[in-house]
């Protein structure tokens, strides 16, 4: 059961939109190896605005993701790809439906 989540908003620098999209798509195999990441979505809100929504069974899973490889890679590339630092919101999941 998912109880915690993250909502991350990313604003690409002009001309870096394709690079941000590629970075996010390339993160999927890393996230798939995270046992406590129950759900993970890389999304696009508009031409230069992207996001990540991911969900976890508990706070320990959320913290493991925040200190994991994708977060580290994103922070290492942030100044190159992003117009401003990512907005990261910790949220609680009130209800969910996950199917396989």
PDB file of N, CA and C in Angstrom:
ATOM      1  N   UNK A   1       0.839  -1.189   0.000  1.00  0.00           N
ATOM      2  CA  UNK A   1       0.000   0.000   0.000  1.00  0.00           C
ATOM      3  C   UNK A   1       0.882   1.250   0.000  1.00  0.00           C
ATOM      4  N   UNK A   2       0.539   2.188  -0.830  1.00  0.00           N
ATOM      5  CA  UNK A   2       1.281   3.444  -0.900  1.00  0.00           C
ATOM      6  C   UNK A   2       0.734   4.435   0.120  1.00  0.00           C
ATOM      7  N   UNK A   3       1.665   5.068   0.821  1.00  0.00           N
ATOM      8  CA  UNK A   3       1.263   6.041   1.839  1.00  0.00           C
ATOM      9  C   UNK A   3       1.930   7.399   1.650  1.00  0.00           C
ATOM     10  N   UNK A   4       3.084   7.408   0.996  1.00  0.00           N
ATOM     11  CA  UNK A   4       3.814   8.655   0.806  1.00  0.00           C
ATOM     12  C   UNK A   4       4.168   8.810  -0.667  1.00  0.00           C
ATOM     13  N   UNK A   5       4.452  10.047  -1.073  1.00  0.00           N
ATOM     14  CA  UNK A   5       4.799  10.297  -2.470  1.00  0.00           C
ATOM     15  C   UNK A   5       5.644  11.558  -2.580  1.00  0.00           C
ATOM     16  N   UNK A   6       6.124  11.783  -3.775  1.00  0.00           N
ATOM     17  CA  UNK A   6       6.839  13.008  -4.120  1.00  0.00           C
ATOM     18  C   UNK A   6       6.234  13.584  -5.388  1.00  0.00           C
ATOM     19  N   UNK A   7       6.084  14.884  -5.424  1.00  0.00           N
ATOM     20  CA  UNK A   7       5.706  15.619  -6.630  1.00  0.00           C
ATOM     21  C   UNK A   7       6.860  16.573  -6.919  1.00  0.00           C
ATOM     22  N   UNK A   8       7.488  16.387  -8.047  1.00  0.00           N
ATOM     23  CA  UNK A   8       8.657  17.190  -8.409  1.00  0.00           C
ATOM     24  C   UNK A   8       8.338  17.938  -9.698  1.00  0.00           C
ATOM     25  N   UNK A   9       8.589  19.237  -9.709  1.00  0.00           N
ATOM     26  CA  UNK A   9       8.369  20.043 -10.904  1.00  0.00           C
ATOM     27  C   UNK A   9       9.708  20.543 -11.414  1.00  0.00           C
ATOM     28  N   UNK A  10       9.904  20.408 -12.727  1.00  0.00           N
ATOM     29  CA  UNK A  10      11.167  20.768 -13.368  1.00  0.00           C
ATOM     30  C   UNK A  10      10.891  21.723 -14.520  1.00  0.00           C
ATOM     31  N   UNK A  11      11.635  22.816 -14.580  1.00  0.00           N
ATOM     32  CA  UNK A  11      11.506  23.778 -15.672  1.00  0.00           C
ATOM     33  C   UNK A  11      12.810  23.758 -16.470  1.00  0.00           C
ATOM     34  N   UNK A  12      12.721  23.303 -17.722  1.00  0.00           N
ATOM     35  CA  UNK A  12      13.905  23.190 -18.578  1.00  0.00           C
ATOM     36  C   UNK A  12      14.397  24.567 -19.016  1.00  0.00           C
ATOM     37  N   UNK A  13      15.700  24.694 -19.153  1.00  0.00           N
ATOM     38  CA  UNK A  13      16.274  25.894 -19.749  1.00  0.00           C
ATOM     39  C   UNK A  13      15.859  25.932 -21.219  1.00  0.00           C
ATOM     40  N   UNK A  14      15.750  27.132 -21.790  1.00  0.00           N
ATOM     41  CA  UNK A  14      15.439  27.217 -23.218  1.00  0.00           C
ATOM     42  C   UNK A  14      16.459  26.402 -24.041  1.00  0.00           C
ATOM     43  N   UNK A  15      15.943  25.583 -24.930  1.00  0.00           N
ATOM     44  CA  UNK A  15      16.799  24.747 -25.767  1.00  0.00           C
ATOM     45  C   UNK A  15      17.191  23.421 -25.131  1.00  0.00           C
ATOM     46  N   UNK A  16      16.854  23.205 -23.870  1.00  0.00           N
ATOM     47  CA  UNK A  16      17.221  21.966 -23.161  1.00  0.00           C
ATOM     48  C   UNK A  16      16.027  21.030 -22.943  1.00  0.00           C
ATOM     49  N   UNK A  17      14.881  21.359 -23.539  1.00  0.00           N
ATOM     50  CA  UNK A  17      13.676  20.569 -23.327  1.00  0.00           C
ATOM     51  C   UNK A  17      13.867  19.101 -23.724  1.00  0.00           C
ATOM     52  N   UNK A  18      14.454  18.856 -24.877  1.00  0.00           N
ATOM     53  CA  UNK A  18      14.671  17.470 -25.323  1.00  0.00           C
ATOM     54  C   UNK A  18      15.638  16.745 -24.400  1.00  0.00           C
ATOM     55  N   UNK A  19      16.614  17.466 -23.872  1.00  0.00           N
ATOM     56  CA  UNK A  19      17.578  16.853 -22.954  1.00  0.00           C
ATOM     57  C   UNK A  19      16.916  16.450 -21.640  1.00  0.00           C
ATOM     58  N   UNK A  20      16.008  17.285 -21.139  1.00  0.00           N
ATOM     59  CA  UNK A  20      15.289  16.955 -19.907  1.00  0.00           C
ATOM     60  C   UNK A  20      14.397  15.741 -20.147  1.00  0.00           C
ATOM     61  N   UNK A  21      13.682  15.729 -21.259  1.00  0.00           N
ATOM     62  CA  UNK A  21      12.824  14.585 -21.589  1.00  0.00           C
ATOM     63  C   UNK A  21      13.650  13.306 -21.699  1.00  0.00           C
ATOM     64  N   UNK A  22      14.787  13.386 -22.325  1.00  0.00           N
ATOM     65  CA  UNK A  22      15.667  12.223 -22.470  1.00  0.00           C
ATOM     66  C   UNK A  22      16.209  11.768 -21.121  1.00  0.00           C
ATOM     67  N   UNK A  23      16.592  12.712 -20.277  1.00  0.00           N
ATOM     68  CA  UNK A  23      17.082  12.372 -18.938  1.00  0.00           C
ATOM     69  C   UNK A  23      16.013  11.610 -18.170  1.00  0.00           C
ATOM     70  N   UNK A  24      14.792  12.115 -18.184  1.00  0.00           N
ATOM     71  CA  UNK A  24      13.715  11.473 -17.444  1.00  0.00           C
ATOM     72  C   UNK A  24      13.422  10.070 -17.976  1.00  0.00           C
ATOM     73  N   UNK A  25      13.350   9.931 -19.287  1.00  0.00           N
ATOM     74  CA  UNK A  25      13.105   8.608 -19.870  1.00  0.00           C
ATOM     75  C   UNK A  25      14.233   7.647 -19.521  1.00  0.00           C
ATOM     76  N   UNK A  26      15.456   8.142 -19.507  1.00  0.00           N
ATOM     77  CA  UNK A  26      16.614   7.312 -19.185  1.00  0.00           C
ATOM     78  C   UNK A  26      16.700   6.910 -17.727  1.00  0.00           C
ATOM     79  N   UNK A  27      15.946   7.579 -16.867  1.00  0.00           N
ATOM     80  CA  UNK A  27      15.965   7.252 -15.438  1.00  0.00           C
ATOM     81  C   UNK A  27      15.131   6.015 -15.106  1.00  0.00           C
ATOM     82  N   UNK A  28      14.242   5.614 -15.996  1.00  0.00           N
ATOM     83  CA  UNK A  28      13.333   4.502 -15.707  1.00  0.00           C
ATOM     84  C   UNK A  28      14.043   3.218 -15.262  1.00  0.00           C
ATOM     85  N   UNK A  29      15.078   2.744 -15.937  1.00  0.00           N
ATOM     86  CA  UNK A  29      15.730   1.507 -15.476  1.00  0.00           C
ATOM     87  C   UNK A  29      16.314   1.615 -14.061  1.00  0.00           C
ATOM     88  N   UNK A  30      16.779   2.783 -13.699  1.00  0.00           N
ATOM     89  CA  UNK A  30      17.327   2.975 -12.347  1.00  0.00           C
ATOM     90  C   UNK A  30      16.197   2.876 -11.323  1.00  0.00           C
ATOM     91  N   UNK A  31      15.090   3.537 -11.609  1.00  0.00           N
ATOM     92  CA  UNK A  31      13.951   3.523 -10.693  1.00  0.00           C
ATOM     93  C   UNK A  31      13.360   2.114 -10.581  1.00  0.00           C
ATOM     94  N   UNK A  32      13.354   1.379 -11.668  1.00  0.00           N
ATOM     95  CA  UNK A  32      12.821   0.016 -11.640  1.00  0.00           C
ATOM     96  C   UNK A  32      13.601  -0.869 -10.672  1.00  0.00           C
ATOM     97  N   UNK A  33      14.830  -0.528 -10.399  1.00  0.00           N
ATOM     98  CA  UNK A  33      15.661  -1.306  -9.472  1.00  0.00           C
ATOM     99  C   UNK A  33      15.461  -0.892  -8.014  1.00  0.00           C
ATOM    100  N   UNK A  34      14.654   0.109  -7.767  1.00  0.00           N
ATOM    101  CA  UNK A  34      14.390   0.562  -6.397  1.00  0.00           C
ATOM    102  C   UNK A  34      13.201  -0.207  -5.823  1.00  0.00           C
ATOM    103  N   UNK A  35      13.431  -1.091  -4.891  1.00  0.00           N
ATOM    104  CA  UNK A  35      12.336  -1.934  -4.399  1.00  0.00           C
ATOM    105  C   UNK A  35      11.208  -1.171  -3.708  1.00  0.00           C
ATOM    106  N   UNK A  36      11.489  -0.033  -3.114  1.00  0.00           N
ATOM    107  CA  UNK A  36      10.458   0.693  -2.378  1.00  0.00           C
ATOM    108  C   UNK A  36       9.741   1.753  -3.218  1.00  0.00           C
ATOM    109  N   UNK A  37      10.104   1.888  -4.491  1.00  0.00           N
ATOM    110  CA  UNK A  37       9.390   2.812  -5.360  1.00  0.00           C
ATOM    111  C   UNK A  37       8.244   2.040  -6.001  1.00  0.00           C
ATOM    112  N   UNK A  38       7.052   2.245  -5.469  1.00  0.00           N
ATOM    113  CA  UNK A  38       5.870   1.506  -5.896  1.00  0.00           C
ATOM    114  C   UNK A  38       5.358   1.981  -7.247  1.00  0.00           C
ATOM    115  N   UNK A  39       5.399   3.286  -7.466  1.00  0.00           N
ATOM    116  CA  UNK A  39       4.949   3.879  -8.729  1.00  0.00           C
ATOM    117  C   UNK A  39       5.858   5.053  -9.055  1.00  0.00           C
ATOM    118  N   UNK A  40       6.142   5.238 -10.337  1.00  0.00           N
ATOM    119  CA  UNK A  40       7.008   6.340 -10.774  1.00  0.00           C
ATOM    120  C   UNK A  40       6.549   6.795 -12.143  1.00  0.00           C
ATOM    121  N   UNK A  41       6.334   8.088 -12.283  1.00  0.00           N
ATOM    122  CA  UNK A  41       5.897   8.666 -13.540  1.00  0.00           C
ATOM    123  C   UNK A  41       6.750   9.869 -13.873  1.00  0.00           C
ATOM    124  N   UNK A  42       7.300   9.917 -15.072  1.00  0.00           N
ATOM    125  CA  UNK A  42       7.933  11.113 -15.606  1.00  0.00           C
ATOM    126  C   UNK A  42       6.894  11.737 -16.526  1.00  0.00           C
ATOM    127  N   UNK A  43       6.583  13.008 -16.313  1.00  0.00           N
ATOM    128  CA  UNK A  43       5.484  13.634 -17.035  1.00  0.00           C
ATOM    129  C   UNK A  43       5.903  14.979 -17.635  1.00  0.00           C
ATOM    130  N   UNK A  44       5.120  15.404 -18.614  1.00  0.00           N
ATOM    131  CA  UNK A  44       5.360  16.701 -19.244  1.00  0.00           C
ATOM    132  C   UNK A  44       4.082  17.519 -19.131  1.00  0.00           C
ATOM    133  N   UNK A  45       4.194  18.694 -18.526  1.00  0.00           N
ATOM    134  CA  UNK A  45       3.054  19.589 -18.363  1.00  0.00           C
ATOM    135  C   UNK A  45       2.873  20.507 -19.567  1.00  0.00           C
ATOM    136  N   UNK A  46       3.976  20.863 -20.204  1.00  0.00           N
ATOM    137  CA  UNK A  46       3.942  21.792 -21.329  1.00  0.00           C
ATOM    138  C   UNK A  46       5.273  21.757 -22.048  1.00  0.00           C
ATOM    139  N   UNK A  47       5.514  22.701 -22.946  1.00  0.00           N
ATOM    140  CA  UNK A  47       6.733  22.667 -23.755  1.00  0.00           C
ATOM    141  C   UNK A  47       8.036  22.582 -22.958  1.00  0.00           C
ATOM    142  N   UNK A  48       8.108  23.283 -21.823  1.00  0.00           N
ATOM    143  CA  UNK A  48       9.364  23.292 -21.071  1.00  0.00           C
ATOM    144  C   UNK A  48       9.195  22.871 -19.608  1.00  0.00           C
ATOM    145  N   UNK A  49       7.989  22.468 -19.238  1.00  0.00           N
ATOM    146  CA  UNK A  49       7.709  22.107 -17.848  1.00  0.00           C
ATOM    147  C   UNK A  49       7.477  20.606 -17.727  1.00  0.00           C
ATOM    148  N   UNK A  50       8.267  19.983 -16.860  1.00  0.00           N
ATOM    149  CA  UNK A  50       8.230  18.532 -16.669  1.00  0.00           C
ATOM    150  C   UNK A  50       7.977  18.228 -15.200  1.00  0.00           C
ATOM    151  N   UNK A  51       7.751  16.973 -14.926  1.00  0.00           N
ATOM    152  CA  UNK A  51       7.554  16.584 -13.549  1.00  0.00           C
ATOM    153  C   UNK A  51       7.831  15.114 -13.322  1.00  0.00           C
ATOM    154  N   UNK A  52       7.908  14.785 -12.062  1.00  0.00           N
ATOM    155  CA  UNK A  52       8.037  13.398 -11.620  1.00  0.00           C
ATOM    156  C   UNK A  52       7.029  13.221 -10.494  1.00  0.00           C
ATOM    157  N   UNK A  53       6.275  12.136 -10.565  1.00  0.00           N
ATOM    158  CA  UNK A  53       5.423  11.744  -9.451  1.00  0.00           C
ATOM    159  C   UNK A  53       5.803  10.318  -9.112  1.00  0.00           C
ATOM    160  N   UNK A  54       6.149  10.098  -7.861  1.00  0.00           N
ATOM    161  CA  UNK A  54       6.485   8.740  -7.436  1.00  0.00           C
ATOM    162  C   UNK A  54       5.894   8.475  -6.065  1.00  0.00           C
ATOM    163  N   UNK A  55       5.594   7.194  -5.816  1.00  0.00           N
ATOM    164  CA  UNK A  55       4.909   6.815  -4.587  1.00  0.00           C
ATOM    165  C   UNK A  55       5.643   5.667  -3.897  1.00  0.00           C
ATOM    166  N   UNK A  56       5.477   5.618  -2.560  1.00  0.00           N
ATOM    167  CA  UNK A  56       6.241   4.691  -1.722  1.00  0.00           C
ATOM    168  C   UNK A  56       5.350   4.150  -0.607  1.00  0.00           C
ATOM    169  N   UNK A  57       5.696   2.986  -0.065  1.00  0.00           N
ATOM    170  CA  UNK A  57       4.887   2.424   1.010  1.00  0.00           C
ATOM    171  C   UNK A  57       5.054   3.163   2.339  1.00  0.00           C
ATOM    172  N   UNK A  58       6.186   3.871   2.499  1.00  0.00           N
ATOM    173  CA  UNK A  58       6.460   4.523   3.782  1.00  0.00           C
ATOM    174  C   UNK A  58       7.538   5.591   3.621  1.00  0.00           C
ATOM    175  N   UNK A  59       7.823   6.281   4.694  1.00  0.00           N
ATOM    176  CA  UNK A  59       8.826   7.352   4.677  1.00  0.00           C
ATOM    177  C   UNK A  59      10.222   6.822   4.363  1.00  0.00           C
ATOM    178  N   UNK A  60      10.536   5.635   4.830  1.00  0.00           N
ATOM    179  CA  UNK A  60      11.861   5.053   4.554  1.00  0.00           C
ATOM    180  C   UNK A  60      12.063   4.860   3.047  1.00  0.00           C
ATOM    181  N   UNK A  61      11.035   4.411   2.357  1.00  0.00           N
ATOM    182  CA  UNK A  61      11.125   4.247   0.907  1.00  0.00           C
ATOM    183  C   UNK A  61      11.296   5.568   0.202  1.00  0.00           C
ATOM    184  N   UNK A  62      10.572   6.577   0.661  1.00  0.00           N
ATOM    185  CA  UNK A  62      10.691   7.911   0.064  1.00  0.00           C
ATOM    186  C   UNK A  62      12.095   8.456   0.281  1.00  0.00           C
ATOM    187  N   UNK A  63      12.626   8.306   1.485  1.00  0.00           N
ATOM    188  CA  UNK A  63      13.983   8.795   1.777  1.00  0.00           C
ATOM    189  C   UNK A  63      15.032   8.041   0.963  1.00  0.00           C
ATOM    190  N   UNK A  64      14.838   6.744   0.784  1.00  0.00           N
ATOM    191  CA  UNK A  64      15.782   5.956  -0.027  1.00  0.00           C
ATOM    192  C   UNK A  64      15.814   6.489  -1.457  1.00  0.00           C
ATOM    193  N   UNK A  65      14.658   6.852  -1.981  1.00  0.00           N
ATOM    194  CA  UNK A  65      14.607   7.397  -3.335  1.00  0.00           C
ATOM    195  C   UNK A  65      15.268   8.774  -3.393  1.00  0.00           C
ATOM    196  N   UNK A  66      15.001   9.608  -2.408  1.00  0.00           N
ATOM    197  CA  UNK A  66      15.581  10.953  -2.388  1.00  0.00           C
ATOM    198  C   UNK A  66      17.098  10.945  -2.284  1.00  0.00           C
ATOM    199  N   UNK A  67      17.650   9.884  -1.734  1.00  0.00           N
ATOM    200  CA  UNK A  67      19.107   9.783  -1.615  1.00  0.00           C
ATOM    201  C   UNK A  67      19.685   8.792  -2.631  1.00  0.00           C
ATOM    202  N   UNK A  68      18.866   8.401  -3.599  1.00  0.00           N
ATOM    203  CA  UNK A  68      19.277   7.408  -4.587  1.00  0.00           C
ATOM    204  C   UNK A  68      19.952   7.996  -5.812  1.00  0.00           C
ATOM    205  N   UNK A  69      20.154   7.130  -6.801  1.00  0.00           N
ATOM    206  CA  UNK A  69      20.909   7.476  -8.006  1.00  0.00           C
ATOM    207  C   UNK A  69      20.214   8.502  -8.899  1.00  0.00           C
ATOM    208  N   UNK A  70      18.901   8.415  -9.037  1.00  0.00           N
ATOM    209  CA  UNK A  70      18.198   9.365  -9.907  1.00  0.00           C
ATOM    210  C   UNK A  70      18.275  10.775  -9.327  1.00  0.00           C
ATOM    211  N   UNK A  71      18.031  10.896  -8.032  1.00  0.00           N
ATOM    212  CA  UNK A  71      18.103  12.215  -7.393  1.00  0.00           C
ATOM    213  C   UNK A  71      19.509  12.796  -7.511  1.00  0.00           C
ATOM    214  N   UNK A  72      20.512  11.968  -7.302  1.00  0.00           N
ATOM    215  CA  UNK A  72      21.894  12.445  -7.410  1.00  0.00           C
ATOM    216  C   UNK A  72      22.210  12.888  -8.835  1.00  0.00           C
ATOM    217  N   UNK A  73      21.774  12.121  -9.812  1.00  0.00           N
ATOM    218  CA  UNK A  73      22.034  12.475 -11.211  1.00  0.00           C
ATOM    219  C   UNK A  73      21.289  13.755 -11.595  1.00  0.00           C
ATOM    220  N   UNK A  74      20.065  13.899 -11.109  1.00  0.00           N
ATOM    221  CA  UNK A  74      19.293  15.107 -11.403  1.00  0.00           C
ATOM    222  C   UNK A  74      19.971  16.339 -10.814  1.00  0.00           C
ATOM    223  N   UNK A  75      20.416  16.237  -9.587  1.00  0.00           N
ATOM    224  CA  UNK A  75      21.081  17.384  -8.970  1.00  0.00           C
ATOM    225  C   UNK A  75      22.413  17.698  -9.665  1.00  0.00           C
ATOM    226  N   UNK A  76      23.106  16.682 -10.144  1.00  0.00           N
ATOM    227  CA  UNK A  76      24.366  16.913 -10.856  1.00  0.00           C
ATOM    228  C   UNK A  76      24.131  17.624 -12.192  1.00  0.00           C
ATOM    229  N   UNK A  77      22.985  17.388 -12.813  1.00  0.00           N
ATOM    230  CA  UNK A  77      22.675  17.977 -14.123  1.00  0.00           C
ATOM    231  C   UNK A  77      21.804  19.227 -14.027  1.00  0.00           C
ATOM    232  N   UNK A  78      21.312  19.538 -12.843  1.00  0.00           N
ATOM    233  CA  UNK A  78      20.335  20.622 -12.679  1.00  0.00           C
ATOM    234  C   UNK A  78      20.808  21.945 -13.269  1.00  0.00           C
ATOM    235  N   UNK A  79      22.011  22.359 -12.976  1.00  0.00           N
ATOM    236  CA  UNK A  79      22.469  23.669 -13.465  1.00  0.00           C
ATOM    237  C   UNK A  79      22.611  23.692 -14.986  1.00  0.00           C
ATOM    238  N   UNK A  80      22.862  22.551 -15.578  1.00  0.00           N
ATOM    239  CA  UNK A  80      22.999  22.456 -17.040  1.00  0.00           C
ATOM    240  C   UNK A  80      21.632  22.424 -17.735  1.00  0.00           C
ATOM    241  N   UNK A  81      20.673  21.713 -17.151  1.00  0.00           N
ATOM    242  CA  UNK A  81      19.400  21.460 -17.818  1.00  0.00           C
ATOM    243  C   UNK A  81      18.234  22.345 -17.372  1.00  0.00           C
ATOM    244  N   UNK A  82      18.256  22.792 -16.115  1.00  0.00           N
ATOM    245  CA  UNK A  82      17.080  23.429 -15.543  1.00  0.00           C
ATOM    246  C   UNK A  82      17.224  24.936 -15.381  1.00  0.00           C
ATOM    247  N   UNK A  83      16.116  25.641 -15.612  1.00  0.00           N
ATOM    248  CA  UNK A  83      16.096  27.098 -15.478  1.00  0.00           C
ATOM    249  C   UNK A  83      16.137  27.530 -14.020  1.00  0.00           C
ATOM    250  N   UNK A  84      15.665  26.652 -13.131  1.00  0.00           N
ATOM    251  CA  UNK A  84      15.678  26.929 -11.693  1.00  0.00           C
ATOM    252  C   UNK A  84      15.729  25.581 -10.974  1.00  0.00           C
ATOM    253  N   UNK A  85      16.072  25.584  -9.690  1.00  0.00           N
ATOM    254  CA  UNK A  85      16.132  24.310  -8.963  1.00  0.00           C
ATOM    255  C   UNK A  85      14.777  23.593  -8.979  1.00  0.00           C
ATOM    256  N   UNK A  86      14.794  22.266  -8.950  1.00  0.00           N
ATOM    257  CA  UNK A  86      13.530  21.520  -8.929  1.00  0.00           C
ATOM    258  C   UNK A  86      12.712  21.870  -7.687  1.00  0.00           C
ATOM    259  N   UNK A  87      11.407  21.874  -7.851  1.00  0.00           N
ATOM    260  CA  UNK A  87      10.498  22.032  -6.726  1.00  0.00           C
ATOM    261  C   UNK A  87      10.096  20.632  -6.286  1.00  0.00           C
ATOM    262  N   UNK A  88      10.450  20.255  -5.063  1.00  0.00           N
ATOM    263  CA  UNK A  88      10.175  18.914  -4.564  1.00  0.00           C
ATOM    264  C   UNK A  88       9.199  19.016  -3.400  1.00  0.00           C
ATOM    265  N   UNK A  89       8.038  18.412  -3.562  1.00  0.00           N
ATOM    266  CA  UNK A  89       7.033  18.423  -2.513  1.00  0.00           C
ATOM    267  C   UNK A  89       6.811  17.009  -2.001  1.00  0.00           C
ATOM    268  N   UNK A  90       6.912  16.834  -0.691  1.00  0.00           N
ATOM    269  CA  UNK A  90       6.565  15.570  -0.058  1.00  0.00           C
ATOM    270  C   UNK A  90       5.068  15.596   0.213  1.00  0.00           C
ATOM    271  N   UNK A  91       4.374  14.570  -0.234  1.00  0.00           N
ATOM    272  CA  UNK A  91       2.925  14.515  -0.058  1.00  0.00           C
ATOM    273  C   UNK A  91       2.518  13.169   0.540  1.00  0.00           C
ATOM    274  N   UNK A  92       1.356  13.153   1.161  1.00  0.00           N
ATOM    275  CA  UNK A  92       0.769  11.924   1.684  1.00  0.00           C
ATOM    276  C   UNK A  92      -0.263  11.421   0.694  1.00  0.00           C
ATOM    277  N   UNK A  93      -0.316  10.126   0.483  1.00  0.00           N
ATOM    278  CA  UNK A  93      -1.306   9.515  -0.399  1.00  0.00           C
ATOM    279  C   UNK A  93      -2.505   9.133   0.459  1.00  0.00           C
ATOM    280  N   UNK A  94      -3.670   9.657   0.106  1.00  0.00           N
ATOM    281  CA  UNK A  94      -4.897   9.382   0.849  1.00  0.00           C
ATOM    282  C   UNK A  94      -5.603   8.126   0.347  1.00  0.00           C
ATOM    283  N   UNK A  95      -5.509   7.883  -0.960  1.00  0.00           N
ATOM    284  CA  UNK A  95      -6.108   6.692  -1.564  1.00  0.00           C
ATOM    285  C   UNK A  95      -5.383   6.424  -2.868  1.00  0.00           C
ATOM    286  N   UNK A  96      -5.364   5.164  -3.284  1.00  0.00           N
ATOM    287  CA  UNK A  96      -4.670   4.829  -4.518  1.00  0.00           C
ATOM    288  C   UNK A  96      -5.261   3.578  -5.148  1.00  0.00           C
ATOM    289  N   UNK A  97      -5.007   3.437  -6.444  1.00  0.00           N
ATOM    290  CA  UNK A  97      -5.327   2.226  -7.184  1.00  0.00           C
ATOM    291  C   UNK A  97      -4.148   1.939  -8.079  1.00  0.00           C
ATOM    292  N   UNK A  98      -3.517   0.833  -7.883  1.00  0.00           N
ATOM    293  CA  UNK A  98      -2.388   0.408  -8.695  1.00  0.00           C
ATOM    294  C   UNK A  98      -2.738  -0.955  -9.294  1.00  0.00           C
ATOM    295  N   UNK A  99      -2.530  -1.103 -10.587  1.00  0.00           N
ATOM    296  CA  UNK A  99      -2.799  -2.375 -11.257  1.00  0.00           C
ATOM    297  C   UNK A  99      -1.547  -2.845 -11.951  1.00  0.00           C
ATOM    298  N   UNK A 100      -1.461  -4.123 -12.167  1.00  0.00           N
ATOM    299  CA  UNK A 100      -0.315  -4.666 -12.916  1.00  0.00           C
ATOM    300  C   UNK A 100      -0.773  -5.169 -14.235  1.00  0.00           C
TER     301      UNK A 100
END
